[in-house]
Amino acid sequence: MPELPEVETVRRTLAPAVGGRIASVWTSGMGLHMARRPPTARLRKLVGGRITAIRRHGEYLLVDTDRDAAVLVHLGMTGRLRLHAASDPRAPHTHVVIGLGRRELRFVDPRRFGQVDVVAHGKERERAGLAELVRDALDEAIDVAALLARAR
């Protein structure tokens, strides 16, 4: 399972997608983790919007949009989220494609332990999984001195 450093690396590699306009959405229709299918209708509501940021909290990625929603992605054990040229052939086990014109953001997961969802801005912490997480380890607002004092 990808751990926080690997997920942070994925987040950083997706930086070129920021500013991209969502032109299309495709899903395989197959269930992912716990047989939950990606929310195709909610993903399609993002078409026409722009990606404004890509954040990470714990092992979750949040692809923020200007449509008052974010795409939430958990990679699970074998999931990958990568930016590809739209002309590149799709890999087997591709389950979600967010078209950005000449590029595509593709979620590929052979074992289908990952998940893709849409969450409203400001409601991310209400989502199961994210709700249980404390402040992120790389959060710049963490008071290191206070944390060390408390640990002692």
Protein backbone atom coordinates (compact mmCIF):
# COMPACT_ATOMS: atom_id res chain seq x y z
CA MET A 1 0.00 0.00 0.00
CA PRO A 2 1.40 3.41 -0.87
CA GLU A 3 2.45 5.26 2.25
CA LEU A 4 2.45 9.00 2.85
CA PRO A 5 5.83 9.71 1.13
CA GLU A 6 4.75 7.84 -2.02
CA VAL A 7 1.39 9.61 -2.10
CA GLU A 8 3.15 12.95 -1.66
CA THR A 9 5.39 12.06 -4.62
CA VAL A 10 2.29 11.28 -6.71
CA ARG A 11 0.78 14.64 -5.70
CA ARG A 12 3.89 16.47 -6.83
CA THR A 13 4.02 14.66 -10.19
CA LEU A 14 0.44 15.79 -10.88
CA ALA A 15 1.28 19.50 -10.50
CA PRO A 16 1.16 20.09 -14.30
CA ALA A 17 -2.57 19.27 -14.20
CA VAL A 18 -3.30 22.35 -12.09
CA GLY A 19 -5.00 24.95 -14.25
CA GLY A 20 -6.29 22.33 -16.68
CA ARG A 21 -9.92 22.50 -17.77
CA ILE A 22 -11.90 19.30 -17.35
CA ALA A 23 -13.21 18.45 -20.81
CA SER A 24 -14.54 14.95 -20.22
CA VAL A 25 -14.95 12.14 -17.72
CA TRP A 26 -14.96 8.40 -18.37
CA THR A 27 -15.36 5.53 -15.91
CA SER A 28 -15.13 1.80 -16.45
CA GLY A 29 -18.34 1.24 -14.50
CA MET A 30 -16.60 -1.41 -12.40
CA GLY A 31 -16.68 -1.38 -8.63
CA LEU A 32 -13.54 -0.43 -6.79
CA HIS A 33 -12.98 -0.82 -3.02
CA MET A 34 -15.94 -2.55 -1.35
CA ALA A 35 -17.55 -2.79 -4.84
CA ARG A 36 -18.26 0.98 -4.81
CA ARG A 37 -18.39 2.36 -8.32
CA PRO A 38 -16.88 5.77 -9.02
CA PRO A 39 -19.68 8.40 -8.96
CA THR A 40 -19.88 8.97 -12.71
CA ALA A 41 -22.74 11.51 -12.55
CA ARG A 42 -20.99 13.62 -9.89
CA LEU A 43 -17.70 13.43 -11.77
CA ARG A 44 -19.43 14.62 -14.96
CA LYS A 45 -20.74 17.70 -13.12
CA LEU A 46 -17.11 18.82 -12.94
CA VAL A 47 -16.83 19.03 -16.76
CA GLY A 48 -16.07 22.60 -17.77
CA GLY A 49 -14.38 23.36 -14.45
CA ARG A 50 -10.69 23.90 -13.82
CA ILE A 51 -8.34 22.03 -11.53
CA THR A 52 -7.24 24.62 -8.97
CA ALA A 53 -4.95 22.53 -6.73
CA ILE A 54 -3.90 19.00 -5.90
CA ARG A 55 -3.63 18.36 -2.19
CA ARG A 56 -2.78 15.39 -0.03
CA HIS A 57 -4.02 14.56 3.43
CA GLY A 58 -2.58 11.36 4.82
CA GLU A 59 -2.87 8.81 2.05
CA TYR A 60 -5.70 10.65 0.30
CA LEU A 61 -5.32 12.90 -2.74
CA LEU A 62 -7.75 15.76 -3.32
CA VAL A 63 -8.00 17.22 -6.80
CA ASP A 64 -9.63 20.59 -6.15
CA THR A 65 -11.77 22.25 -8.81
CA ASP A 66 -13.45 25.61 -9.20
CA ARG A 67 -16.81 23.79 -9.17
CA ASP A 68 -17.03 23.79 -5.34
CA ALA A 69 -15.97 20.14 -5.26
CA ALA A 70 -12.87 17.99 -5.21
CA VAL A 71 -12.11 14.55 -6.57
CA LEU A 72 -10.99 12.38 -3.68
CA VAL A 73 -8.63 9.52 -4.55
CA HIS A 74 -7.21 6.77 -2.37
CA LEU A 75 -4.71 4.59 -4.21
CA GLY A 76 -5.35 1.44 -2.16
CA MET A 77 -2.71 -1.24 -2.67
CA THR A 78 -2.08 -1.07 -6.39
CA GLY A 79 -3.73 2.14 -7.59
CA ARG A 80 -1.94 4.73 -9.70
CA LEU A 81 -3.01 8.25 -10.59
CA ARG A 82 -0.96 9.67 -13.43
CA LEU A 83 -1.08 12.35 -16.08
CA HIS A 84 -0.86 10.98 -19.64
CA ALA A 85 -1.06 12.35 -23.14
CA ALA A 86 -4.61 11.78 -24.38
CA SER A 87 -3.12 9.93 -27.36
CA ASP A 88 -1.39 7.34 -25.12
CA PRO A 89 -3.13 3.96 -25.11
CA ARG A 90 -5.04 3.28 -21.92
CA ALA A 91 -3.52 0.67 -19.65
CA PRO A 92 -5.54 -2.37 -18.64
CA HIS A 93 -7.47 -1.80 -15.40
CA THR A 94 -8.03 1.90 -16.10
CA HIS A 95 -11.14 2.82 -14.11
CA VAL A 96 -11.39 6.63 -14.22
CA VAL A 97 -10.18 9.11 -16.85
CA ILE A 98 -10.51 12.86 -16.43
CA GLY A 99 -9.88 14.43 -19.82
CA LEU A 100 -7.97 17.72 -19.84
CA GLY A 101 -7.78 18.35 -23.57
CA ARG A 102 -4.47 16.94 -24.80
CA ARG A 103 -3.80 15.30 -21.43
CA GLU A 104 -5.72 12.90 -19.21
CA LEU A 105 -5.62 12.19 -15.52
CA ARG A 106 -5.98 8.39 -15.29
CA PHE A 107 -6.71 6.20 -12.29
CA VAL A 108 -5.52 2.63 -12.85
CA ASP A 109 -6.01 -0.07 -10.22
CA PRO A 110 -5.55 -3.77 -11.10
CA ARG A 111 -6.74 -5.08 -7.72
CA ARG A 112 -9.49 -2.45 -7.29
CA PHE A 113 -8.70 -1.63 -3.66
CA GLY A 114 -8.52 2.10 -4.38
CA GLN A 115 -11.38 4.54 -4.43
CA VAL A 116 -12.50 7.64 -6.30
CA ASP A 117 -15.22 9.95 -5.03
CA VAL A 118 -16.39 13.56 -5.28
CA VAL A 119 -16.62 15.66 -2.11
CA ALA A 120 -17.89 19.20 -1.62
CA HIS A 121 -15.30 21.82 -0.63
CA GLY A 122 -15.34 22.23 3.12
CA LYS A 123 -16.94 18.82 3.61
CA GLU A 124 -13.81 16.72 3.01
CA ARG A 125 -13.35 16.04 6.72
CA GLU A 126 -16.86 14.54 6.88
CA ARG A 127 -15.87 11.81 4.44
CA ALA A 128 -15.23 8.42 6.07
CA GLY A 129 -11.50 7.82 6.09
CA LEU A 130 -10.58 11.49 6.14
CA ALA A 131 -12.72 12.15 9.22
CA GLU A 132 -10.49 9.94 11.38
CA LEU A 133 -7.24 11.62 10.36
CA VAL A 134 -5.50 14.11 12.58
CA ARG A 135 -3.46 17.06 11.29
CA ASP A 136 -1.19 15.98 8.45
CA ALA A 137 2.44 15.26 9.32
CA LEU A 138 3.70 17.75 6.71
CA ASP A 139 1.27 20.51 7.69
CA GLU A 140 3.30 23.72 8.02
CA ALA A 141 0.96 24.96 10.76
CA ILE A 142 2.20 22.30 13.18
CA ASP A 143 3.95 23.87 16.17
CA VAL A 144 6.99 21.60 16.44
CA ALA A 145 8.07 22.94 19.85
CA ALA A 146 4.61 22.35 21.31
CA LEU A 147 4.48 18.88 19.79
CA LEU A 148 7.86 17.97 21.31
CA ALA A 149 6.84 19.36 24.70
CA ARG A 150 3.65 17.32 24.63
CA ALA A 151 5.53 14.18 23.61
CA ARG A 152 7.84 14.58 26.60
